[in-house]
């Protein structure tokens, strides 16, 4: 299973970027190969993101529950690789974790992960951008 995950992540990174790529902030309304691959990457990385956010938010910010991550609340900001055809990738996301029930956003974070052979997925930077009032009025 780990080899399949590694092959998937590496092939996705090869397809979607070469050296550095910044994704447009405009929302696409049509499906494409790139969008499907990006969504698959979000699905594969969601457990890692959710674990790291839970460690940050609970109990420091949220006292009653841990945040939930939904793939459609993850925005790909940038991808990098160590060199041409290198297999050490960095992926930066902006994420709005939710309460998991009503999908009410509880904050906003920017996270950078390093993905390399093994497969190894490692959080290398986490910036908490904003805490939203919960429950909203």
C-alpha atoms as a PDB file:
ATOM      1  CA  UNK A   1       0.000   0.000   0.000  1.00  0.00           C
ATOM      2  CA  UNK A   2       2.863   2.374   0.829  1.00  0.00           C
ATOM      3  CA  UNK A   3       4.494   1.715  -2.545  1.00  0.00           C
ATOM      4  CA  UNK A   4       1.235   2.497  -4.325  1.00  0.00           C
ATOM      5  CA  UNK A   5       0.917   5.739  -2.351  1.00  0.00           C
ATOM      6  CA  UNK A   6       4.500   6.672  -3.200  1.00  0.00           C
ATOM      7  CA  UNK A   7       4.077   5.940  -6.906  1.00  0.00           C
ATOM      8  CA  UNK A   8       0.832   7.918  -6.961  1.00  0.00           C
ATOM      9  CA  UNK A   9       2.257  10.946  -5.166  1.00  0.00           C
ATOM     10  CA  UNK A  10       5.431  11.026  -7.218  1.00  0.00           C
ATOM     11  CA  UNK A  11       3.604  10.635 -10.517  1.00  0.00           C
ATOM     12  CA  UNK A  12       1.167  13.337  -9.490  1.00  0.00           C
ATOM     13  CA  UNK A  13       3.984  15.688  -8.612  1.00  0.00           C
ATOM     14  CA  UNK A  14       5.732  14.970 -11.914  1.00  0.00           C
ATOM     15  CA  UNK A  15       2.585  15.619 -13.879  1.00  0.00           C
ATOM     16  CA  UNK A  16       1.479  18.786 -12.114  1.00  0.00           C
ATOM     17  CA  UNK A  17       4.780  20.651 -11.772  1.00  0.00           C
ATOM     18  CA  UNK A  18       8.317  20.905 -12.941  1.00  0.00           C
ATOM     19  CA  UNK A  19      10.450  23.287 -10.884  1.00  0.00           C
ATOM     20  CA  UNK A  20       7.969  25.628  -9.170  1.00  0.00           C
ATOM     21  CA  UNK A  21       4.349  26.147  -9.937  1.00  0.00           C
ATOM     22  CA  UNK A  22       1.889  28.606  -8.468  1.00  0.00           C
ATOM     23  CA  UNK A  23      -1.770  27.743  -8.861  1.00  0.00           C
ATOM     24  CA  UNK A  24      -4.244  30.375  -9.962  1.00  0.00           C
ATOM     25  CA  UNK A  25      -6.623  31.545  -7.260  1.00  0.00           C
ATOM     26  CA  UNK A  26      -9.575  31.533  -9.640  1.00  0.00           C
ATOM     27  CA  UNK A  27     -11.999  28.655  -9.173  1.00  0.00           C
ATOM     28  CA  UNK A  28     -12.279  26.288 -12.120  1.00  0.00           C
ATOM     29  CA  UNK A  29     -15.762  25.209 -13.126  1.00  0.00           C
ATOM     30  CA  UNK A  30     -14.684  22.498 -15.567  1.00  0.00           C
ATOM     31  CA  UNK A  31     -13.069  19.182 -14.794  1.00  0.00           C
ATOM     32  CA  UNK A  32      -9.586  18.450 -16.141  1.00  0.00           C
ATOM     33  CA  UNK A  33      -6.833  15.879 -15.709  1.00  0.00           C
ATOM     34  CA  UNK A  34      -4.833  18.332 -13.606  1.00  0.00           C
ATOM     35  CA  UNK A  35      -7.803  19.065 -11.344  1.00  0.00           C
ATOM     36  CA  UNK A  36      -8.538  15.352 -10.870  1.00  0.00           C
ATOM     37  CA  UNK A  37      -4.895  14.650  -9.998  1.00  0.00           C
ATOM     38  CA  UNK A  38      -4.870  17.573  -7.576  1.00  0.00           C
ATOM     39  CA  UNK A  39      -8.044  16.249  -5.917  1.00  0.00           C
ATOM     40  CA  UNK A  40      -6.526  12.757  -5.646  1.00  0.00           C
ATOM     41  CA  UNK A  41      -3.474  14.273  -3.962  1.00  0.00           C
ATOM     42  CA  UNK A  42      -5.741  16.061  -1.472  1.00  0.00           C
ATOM     43  CA  UNK A  43      -7.517  12.795  -0.680  1.00  0.00           C
ATOM     44  CA  UNK A  44      -4.223  10.963  -0.131  1.00  0.00           C
ATOM     45  CA  UNK A  45      -2.742  13.681   2.104  1.00  0.00           C
ATOM     46  CA  UNK A  46      -5.901  14.445   4.109  1.00  0.00           C
ATOM     47  CA  UNK A  47      -5.077  11.953   6.931  1.00  0.00           C
ATOM     48  CA  UNK A  48      -1.643  13.566   7.447  1.00  0.00           C
ATOM     49  CA  UNK A  49      -3.107  17.069   7.362  1.00  0.00           C
ATOM     50  CA  UNK A  50      -5.923  16.130   9.750  1.00  0.00           C
ATOM     51  CA  UNK A  51      -3.506  14.594  12.276  1.00  0.00           C
ATOM     52  CA  UNK A  52      -1.225  17.645  12.249  1.00  0.00           C
ATOM     53  CA  UNK A  53      -4.149  20.064  12.573  1.00  0.00           C
ATOM     54  CA  UNK A  54      -5.649  18.044  15.434  1.00  0.00           C
ATOM     55  CA  UNK A  55      -2.326  18.266  17.290  1.00  0.00           C
ATOM     56  CA  UNK A  56      -2.308  22.042  16.812  1.00  0.00           C
ATOM     57  CA  UNK A  57      -5.968  22.902  17.478  1.00  0.00           C
ATOM     58  CA  UNK A  58      -6.868  20.486  20.265  1.00  0.00           C
ATOM     59  CA  UNK A  59      -6.989  21.449  23.128  1.00  0.00           C
ATOM     60  CA  UNK A  60      -5.139  24.756  22.631  1.00  0.00           C
ATOM     61  CA  UNK A  61      -7.798  26.365  20.404  1.00  0.00           C
ATOM     62  CA  UNK A  62     -10.711  23.901  20.366  1.00  0.00           C
ATOM     63  CA  UNK A  63     -11.681  22.355  23.701  1.00  0.00           C
ATOM     64  CA  UNK A  64     -14.581  20.047  22.783  1.00  0.00           C
ATOM     65  CA  UNK A  65     -13.526  18.442  19.488  1.00  0.00           C
ATOM     66  CA  UNK A  66     -10.698  18.068  17.010  1.00  0.00           C
ATOM     67  CA  UNK A  67     -10.969  19.802  13.634  1.00  0.00           C
ATOM     68  CA  UNK A  68     -12.053  17.935  10.541  1.00  0.00           C
ATOM     69  CA  UNK A  69     -10.494  18.412   7.107  1.00  0.00           C
ATOM     70  CA  UNK A  70     -12.586  18.271   3.956  1.00  0.00           C
ATOM     71  CA  UNK A  71     -10.702  17.991   0.644  1.00  0.00           C
ATOM     72  CA  UNK A  72     -12.728  20.797  -0.946  1.00  0.00           C
ATOM     73  CA  UNK A  73     -11.494  23.190   1.791  1.00  0.00           C
ATOM     74  CA  UNK A  74      -7.832  22.612   0.814  1.00  0.00           C
ATOM     75  CA  UNK A  75      -6.299  24.993  -1.713  1.00  0.00           C
ATOM     76  CA  UNK A  76      -3.019  24.089  -3.390  1.00  0.00           C
ATOM     77  CA  UNK A  77      -0.731  27.130  -3.255  1.00  0.00           C
ATOM     78  CA  UNK A  78       2.632  25.929  -4.556  1.00  0.00           C
ATOM     79  CA  UNK A  79       4.640  22.840  -5.465  1.00  0.00           C
ATOM     80  CA  UNK A  80       8.441  22.549  -5.634  1.00  0.00           C
ATOM     81  CA  UNK A  81      10.960  19.806  -6.230  1.00  0.00           C
ATOM     82  CA  UNK A  82      14.590  19.620  -5.178  1.00  0.00           C
ATOM     83  CA  UNK A  83      15.901  19.592  -8.797  1.00  0.00           C
ATOM     84  CA  UNK A  84      14.899  18.489 -12.284  1.00  0.00           C
ATOM     85  CA  UNK A  85      13.393  15.011 -12.009  1.00  0.00           C
ATOM     86  CA  UNK A  86      14.158  15.028  -8.277  1.00  0.00           C
ATOM     87  CA  UNK A  87      11.931  12.949  -6.039  1.00  0.00           C
ATOM     88  CA  UNK A  88      11.820  15.191  -3.015  1.00  0.00           C
ATOM     89  CA  UNK A  89       8.727  17.377  -3.361  1.00  0.00           C
ATOM     90  CA  UNK A  90       7.357  20.251  -1.302  1.00  0.00           C
ATOM     91  CA  UNK A  91       3.665  21.040  -1.436  1.00  0.00           C
ATOM     92  CA  UNK A  92       2.078  24.090   0.219  1.00  0.00           C
ATOM     93  CA  UNK A  93      -1.651  24.266   0.999  1.00  0.00           C
ATOM     94  CA  UNK A  94      -4.080  26.679   2.604  1.00  0.00           C
ATOM     95  CA  UNK A  95      -6.647  24.797   4.625  1.00  0.00           C
ATOM     96  CA  UNK A  96      -9.856  25.726   6.428  1.00  0.00           C
ATOM     97  CA  UNK A  97     -10.533  22.982   8.976  1.00  0.00           C
ATOM     98  CA  UNK A  98     -14.157  22.579  10.044  1.00  0.00           C
ATOM     99  CA  UNK A  99     -16.122  21.288  13.021  1.00  0.00           C
ATOM    100  CA  UNK A 100     -16.892  18.076  11.112  1.00  0.00           C
ATOM    101  CA  UNK A 101     -20.645  18.195  11.716  1.00  0.00           C
ATOM    102  CA  UNK A 102     -22.077  21.292  10.095  1.00  0.00           C
ATOM    103  CA  UNK A 103     -18.799  21.971   8.228  1.00  0.00           C
ATOM    104  CA  UNK A 104     -18.404  25.329   9.942  1.00  0.00           C
ATOM    105  CA  UNK A 105     -14.841  26.630   9.416  1.00  0.00           C
ATOM    106  CA  UNK A 106     -12.900  27.004  12.682  1.00  0.00           C
ATOM    107  CA  UNK A 107      -9.708  28.554  11.304  1.00  0.00           C
ATOM    108  CA  UNK A 108      -7.311  28.941   8.420  1.00  0.00           C
ATOM    109  CA  UNK A 109      -3.805  27.484   8.140  1.00  0.00           C
ATOM    110  CA  UNK A 110      -0.957  27.302   5.644  1.00  0.00           C
ATOM    111  CA  UNK A 111       0.979  24.035   5.695  1.00  0.00           C
ATOM    112  CA  UNK A 112       3.983  22.818   3.719  1.00  0.00           C
ATOM    113  CA  UNK A 113       4.707  19.113   3.421  1.00  0.00           C
ATOM    114  CA  UNK A 114       7.774  17.368   2.084  1.00  0.00           C
ATOM    115  CA  UNK A 115       7.076  14.136   0.232  1.00  0.00           C
ATOM    116  CA  UNK A 116       9.929  11.814  -0.644  1.00  0.00           C
ATOM    117  CA  UNK A 117      10.713   8.210  -1.424  1.00  0.00           C
ATOM    118  CA  UNK A 118       9.826   5.695   1.185  1.00  0.00           C
ATOM    119  CA  UNK A 119       7.078   7.015   1.047  1.00  0.00           C
ATOM    120  CA  UNK A 120       7.727   9.694   3.598  1.00  0.00           C
ATOM    121  CA  UNK A 121       5.333  12.574   4.234  1.00  0.00           C
ATOM    122  CA  UNK A 122       6.675  15.172   6.652  1.00  0.00           C
ATOM    123  CA  UNK A 123       5.249  18.501   7.814  1.00  0.00           C
ATOM    124  CA  UNK A 124       8.007  21.092   7.420  1.00  0.00           C
ATOM    125  CA  UNK A 125       6.066  24.318   8.055  1.00  0.00           C
ATOM    126  CA  UNK A 126       2.734  25.181   9.649  1.00  0.00           C
ATOM    127  CA  UNK A 127       1.497  28.759   9.891  1.00  0.00           C
ATOM    128  CA  UNK A 128      -1.799  29.366  11.668  1.00  0.00           C
ATOM    129  CA  UNK A 129      -3.326  32.286   9.761  1.00  0.00           C
ATOM    130  CA  UNK A 130      -6.641  32.842  11.492  1.00  0.00           C
ATOM    131  CA  UNK A 131      -8.946  31.486  14.201  1.00  0.00           C
ATOM    132  CA  UNK A 132     -12.667  31.846  13.531  1.00  0.00           C
ATOM    133  CA  UNK A 133     -15.149  32.321  16.350  1.00  0.00           C
ATOM    134  CA  UNK A 134     -16.964  29.079  17.109  1.00  0.00           C
ATOM    135  CA  UNK A 135     -19.859  28.716  17.159  1.00  0.00           C
ATOM    136  CA  UNK A 136     -20.533  31.580  14.754  1.00  0.00           C
ATOM    137  CA  UNK A 137     -23.226  34.056  15.717  1.00  0.00           C
END
